[in-house]
Protein backbone atom coordinates (compact mmCIF):
# COMPACT_ATOMS: atom_id res chain seq x y z
CA MET A 1 2.55 103.17 52.40
CA GLU A 2 4.51 99.35 52.58
CA LEU A 3 6.07 100.94 49.44
CA ARG A 4 7.48 103.99 50.78
CA ASP A 5 8.78 102.18 53.80
CA LYS A 6 10.74 99.81 52.08
CA LEU A 7 12.18 102.83 49.93
CA ASP A 8 12.49 104.15 53.07
CA LEU A 9 14.76 100.95 54.77
CA LYS A 10 16.64 100.41 51.05
CA GLY A 11 18.19 104.03 51.66
CA ASP A 12 18.85 103.42 55.45
CA LEU A 13 20.98 100.37 54.47
CA GLU A 14 22.32 102.40 51.31
CA ILE A 15 23.63 105.26 53.85
CA ALA A 16 24.88 101.99 56.42
CA ARG A 17 26.87 100.89 53.90
CA GLU A 18 28.60 103.86 53.11
CA ILE A 19 29.38 104.42 56.93
CA GLN A 20 30.43 100.98 57.29
CA PHE A 21 33.11 101.47 54.09
CA SER A 22 34.04 105.14 56.00
CA LEU A 23 35.20 102.80 59.19
CA VAL A 24 37.92 100.62 56.92
CA PRO A 25 40.88 101.54 55.08
CA SER A 26 39.90 102.41 51.11
CA GLU A 27 43.46 103.57 49.81
CA PRO A 28 46.39 100.43 49.57
CA PHE A 29 48.67 101.40 52.41
CA HIS A 30 52.65 101.71 51.01
CA GLN A 31 55.74 102.22 53.24
CA ASP A 32 58.44 100.93 53.54
CA GLY A 33 58.82 98.41 51.03
CA MET A 34 55.63 96.55 52.34
CA SER A 35 52.35 97.08 51.04
CA ILE A 36 49.03 95.97 51.84
CA CYS A 37 45.79 95.94 49.76
CA TYR A 38 42.07 94.64 50.82
CA SER A 39 39.22 93.62 49.23
CA MET A 40 36.00 93.51 51.48
CA ARG A 41 32.53 92.35 49.67
CA PRO A 42 29.36 91.86 52.57
CA ALA A 43 26.93 89.48 51.33
CA ASN A 44 24.13 91.83 51.80
CA THR A 45 24.21 95.30 51.57
CA ILE A 46 26.48 95.59 55.04
CA GLY A 47 28.63 92.99 57.00
CA GLY A 48 29.95 91.54 60.07
CA ASP A 49 33.80 91.14 58.23
CA TYR A 50 36.19 94.17 59.30
CA TYR A 51 39.69 95.02 58.62
CA ASP A 52 42.38 97.71 59.35
CA VAL A 53 45.47 99.50 59.15
CA ILE A 54 46.36 101.17 62.27
CA PRO A 55 49.36 103.36 62.77
CA LEU A 56 51.23 102.37 65.58
CA ASP A 57 54.20 104.67 65.74
CA LYS A 58 56.48 106.53 62.47
CA THR A 59 58.08 102.19 62.14
CA ARG A 60 54.68 99.88 63.07
CA VAL A 61 51.46 99.45 61.90
CA ALA A 62 48.68 97.16 63.58
CA ILE A 63 47.26 94.64 60.61
CA VAL A 64 43.55 93.32 61.76
CA VAL A 65 40.94 91.44 60.15
CA GLY A 66 38.05 90.59 62.11
CA ASP A 67 34.68 88.47 61.82
CA VAL A 68 31.25 89.07 63.66
CA SER A 69 29.36 85.98 63.61
CA GLY A 70 26.09 86.25 61.51
CA LYS A 71 25.05 88.99 59.11
CA GLY A 72 23.52 92.19 58.30
CA ILE A 73 22.37 94.76 60.09
CA PRO A 74 23.26 93.08 63.73
CA ALA A 75 26.98 91.82 62.83
CA ALA A 76 27.24 95.45 60.64
CA LEU A 77 26.64 97.11 64.19
CA LEU A 78 28.98 94.80 66.63
CA MET A 79 31.65 95.19 63.58
CA ALA A 80 31.20 99.18 64.37
CA LEU A 81 31.51 98.38 67.94
CA LEU A 82 34.19 95.91 67.09
CA GLN A 83 36.20 98.56 65.46
CA GLY A 84 35.55 101.46 67.71
CA SER A 85 36.66 99.34 70.55
CA LEU A 86 40.16 98.39 68.60
CA ARG A 87 40.56 101.70 68.08
CA THR A 88 40.28 103.33 71.30
CA LEU A 89 42.47 101.24 73.28
CA THR A 90 45.17 101.25 70.67
CA SER A 91 45.09 105.04 71.03
CA ALA A 92 45.47 104.63 74.94
CA GLY A 93 48.30 102.97 73.78
CA LEU A 94 47.70 99.07 74.52
CA ARG A 95 49.31 96.59 72.60
CA GLY A 96 49.75 92.98 72.55
CA ILE A 97 48.74 90.66 74.56
CA GLU A 98 47.07 93.47 76.99
CA LEU A 99 44.91 95.12 73.82
CA ILE A 100 43.55 91.72 72.84
CA THR A 101 42.73 90.90 77.14
CA LYS A 102 41.45 94.05 77.30
CA LEU A 103 39.37 93.82 74.09
CA ASN A 104 37.91 90.38 75.18
CA GLU A 105 37.01 91.76 78.35
CA TYR A 106 34.56 94.31 77.29
CA LEU A 107 33.19 92.63 74.58
CA SER A 108 32.45 89.36 76.61
CA ALA A 109 30.64 92.00 78.85
CA ASN A 110 29.27 94.22 75.73
CA ILE A 111 28.05 91.80 73.41
CA PRO A 112 24.90 89.10 73.15
CA MET A 113 26.49 85.06 74.55
CA GLU A 114 25.45 83.91 71.52
CA ARG A 115 27.40 86.81 69.29
CA LEU A 116 31.02 86.05 68.83
CA ILE A 117 34.18 87.61 67.24
CA THR A 118 37.19 86.10 65.75
CA LEU A 119 40.40 88.46 64.96
CA PHE A 120 43.55 88.30 63.72
CA TYR A 121 45.70 91.12 65.08
CA GLY A 122 49.59 91.17 64.35
CA GLU A 123 51.87 94.05 65.20
CA LEU A 124 54.31 94.62 61.78
CA GLU A 125 57.39 96.15 61.87
CA LEU A 126 57.65 97.46 58.47
CA ALA A 127 61.43 97.52 57.95
CA SER A 128 62.59 94.68 59.07
CA GLY A 129 59.27 92.48 58.46
CA ASN A 130 59.18 91.19 62.19
CA LEU A 131 55.36 90.58 62.53
CA THR A 132 53.73 89.83 66.22
CA TYR A 133 50.34 88.31 65.94
CA ILE A 134 47.46 86.84 68.12
CA ASN A 135 45.18 84.53 66.49
CA ALA A 136 41.64 84.59 67.82
CA GLY A 137 39.99 82.08 66.79
CA HIS A 138 39.91 83.09 63.37
CA ASN A 139 40.58 81.77 60.02
CA ALA A 140 44.60 80.72 59.55
CA PRO A 141 46.46 83.10 57.43
CA PHE A 142 48.73 81.93 54.37
CA LEU A 143 52.59 82.56 54.14
CA ILE A 144 53.58 82.99 51.14
CA LYS A 145 57.39 82.53 50.36
CA PRO A 146 57.87 82.25 46.56
CA GLY A 147 59.33 78.24 46.14
CA GLN A 148 58.62 77.11 49.66
CA PRO A 149 55.93 75.82 51.33
CA GLN A 150 52.80 78.42 52.32
CA GLU A 151 52.89 78.43 56.16
CA ARG A 152 50.04 78.96 57.94
CA LEU A 153 49.39 80.98 61.10
CA ALA A 154 47.12 79.08 62.99
CA ALA A 155 44.74 80.44 66.16
CA THR A 156 46.95 81.10 69.27
CA SER A 157 43.69 82.05 71.31
CA LEU A 158 40.44 81.95 71.74
CA ILE A 159 37.72 83.94 69.57
CA LEU A 160 36.64 87.00 71.41
CA GLY A 161 33.32 87.55 73.00
CA PHE A 162 33.62 83.45 74.43
CA ARG A 163 35.09 84.27 77.96
CA ALA A 164 36.27 87.23 79.51
CA ASP A 165 39.39 85.59 81.58
CA SER A 166 40.76 83.67 78.66
CA GLN A 167 43.71 83.18 78.21
CA VAL A 168 45.55 85.18 75.18
CA GLU A 169 48.73 84.03 73.68
CA ALA A 170 50.96 85.88 71.23
CA LYS A 171 53.35 84.53 68.21
CA GLU A 172 56.12 85.37 66.56
CA THR A 173 56.88 85.19 62.81
CA HIS A 174 58.80 87.19 59.42
CA ILE A 175 57.76 88.34 56.24
CA GLY A 176 60.77 88.49 54.40
CA PRO A 177 61.56 90.30 51.06
CA GLY A 178 59.07 89.04 48.66
CA GLU A 179 57.17 86.80 50.33
CA GLY A 180 52.90 87.64 51.37
CA LEU A 181 50.66 87.43 53.65
CA LEU A 182 47.50 86.93 52.84
CA LEU A 183 44.64 87.14 55.51
CA PHE A 184 40.86 86.57 54.60
CA THR A 185 37.82 85.69 56.16
CA ASP A 186 35.61 82.30 56.42
CA GLY A 187 33.42 84.11 53.63
CA ILE A 188 35.65 82.69 51.08
CA THR A 189 36.58 79.26 51.96
CA GLU A 190 32.93 78.65 53.07
CA ALA A 191 31.45 79.72 50.07
CA PHE A 192 29.02 77.29 48.78
CA ASN A 193 28.04 76.56 44.28
CA GLU A 194 24.41 75.47 43.76
CA LYS A 195 26.07 71.37 44.03
CA GLU A 196 26.63 72.68 47.58
CA GLU A 197 30.38 71.96 47.22
CA GLU A 198 32.29 73.91 49.37
CA TYR A 199 35.87 76.33 47.64
CA GLY A 200 37.46 75.52 50.71
CA GLU A 201 40.87 76.12 51.89
CA THR A 202 42.88 73.82 49.12
CA ARG A 203 41.35 75.57 46.51
CA LEU A 204 42.09 78.84 47.90
CA ALA A 205 46.37 77.19 48.81
CA ASP A 206 46.15 76.43 45.08
CA PHE A 207 45.07 79.66 43.31
CA LEU A 208 47.60 81.40 45.70
CA GLN A 209 50.44 79.10 44.32
CA ALA A 210 48.96 79.49 41.02
CA HIS A 211 49.12 83.26 40.69
CA ALA A 212 51.91 83.70 42.65
CA ASN A 213 53.61 86.59 40.54
CA THR A 214 50.02 88.05 40.66
CA PRO A 215 50.60 91.92 41.33
CA PRO A 216 48.95 92.05 45.04
CA ASP A 217 45.83 94.56 44.30
CA VAL A 218 45.28 92.16 40.99
CA LEU A 219 45.49 89.03 43.41
CA ILE A 220 43.09 90.28 45.94
CA LYS A 221 39.95 91.08 42.99
CA ASN A 222 40.48 87.87 41.44
CA ILE A 223 40.60 85.69 44.57
CA THR A 224 37.42 87.34 44.58
CA ASP A 225 36.13 86.59 41.55
CA GLU A 226 37.43 83.56 41.56
CA VAL A 227 34.97 82.41 44.93
CA VAL A 228 32.19 84.45 42.59
CA ALA A 229 32.71 82.73 39.98
CA PHE A 230 33.01 79.16 41.46
CA CYS A 231 29.63 79.67 43.74
CA ASN A 232 28.06 80.34 40.00
CA SER A 233 24.16 80.51 40.32
CA ALA A 234 24.12 80.50 43.93
CA LYS A 235 24.74 83.65 45.98
CA PRO A 236 27.35 83.71 48.69
CA SER A 237 25.64 83.29 51.64
CA ASP A 238 28.16 85.32 53.69
CA ASP A 239 30.52 88.22 53.54
CA MET A 240 34.26 88.34 51.69
CA THR A 241 37.31 89.66 52.88
CA LEU A 242 40.62 89.74 51.79
CA MET A 243 44.01 91.66 53.15
CA LEU A 244 47.12 91.13 51.44
CA VAL A 245 50.60 92.38 53.00
CA THR A 246 54.04 91.73 50.61
CA ARG A 247 57.13 92.57 51.16
CA GLN A 248 59.50 93.62 47.95
CA ALA A 249 61.81 92.08 46.71
């Protein structure tokens, strides 16, 4: 009976994995010279990372990467709640600061106090490369400009679900021709090897610098492979998600 229960649970988790991956884009996005590719590797069968590309109108999309604290089934349930809530609010016409303010109010009232969410939300004008973004306590993305120092898009607001009355601030940047923006979750940079050494943001920055001319979809895969190889015999302990936005030169 115990074996049957374990097999049933494994089957349920595999179905849950299929459902979770159906909630996020699977094919790269291409429009008006802008390309967006992504990768998600849960630490377990299912996880708490989230990414999305949400059409806002004919000329703009929202780019989103989020990370729910914890992993496994509880994190996956909150990831689904985050995805559904964000999609519902954008469908209702909310944008920018108003959108994230309402999302934070809802999450603060409906998720356990110990469960928090980091989120990067950006509204990208595809033809111009202009990006208005809100970084709610998420890892600062890398703005990649060939031949120039990398820039980081630091947090503009507190993590979601912490305080319902948190102030939300938006900032603006620009992705020029030939430039890119890498978003990631902390499963990438906070991966440890068997010597308890952390992969870290410096290694990620150096890897990006050394592979600047790699095609975006290949670069995404290579980063994940690099982190897994760094962990060596130590199994990655957190979900790993990447999104790379690139603009044609």
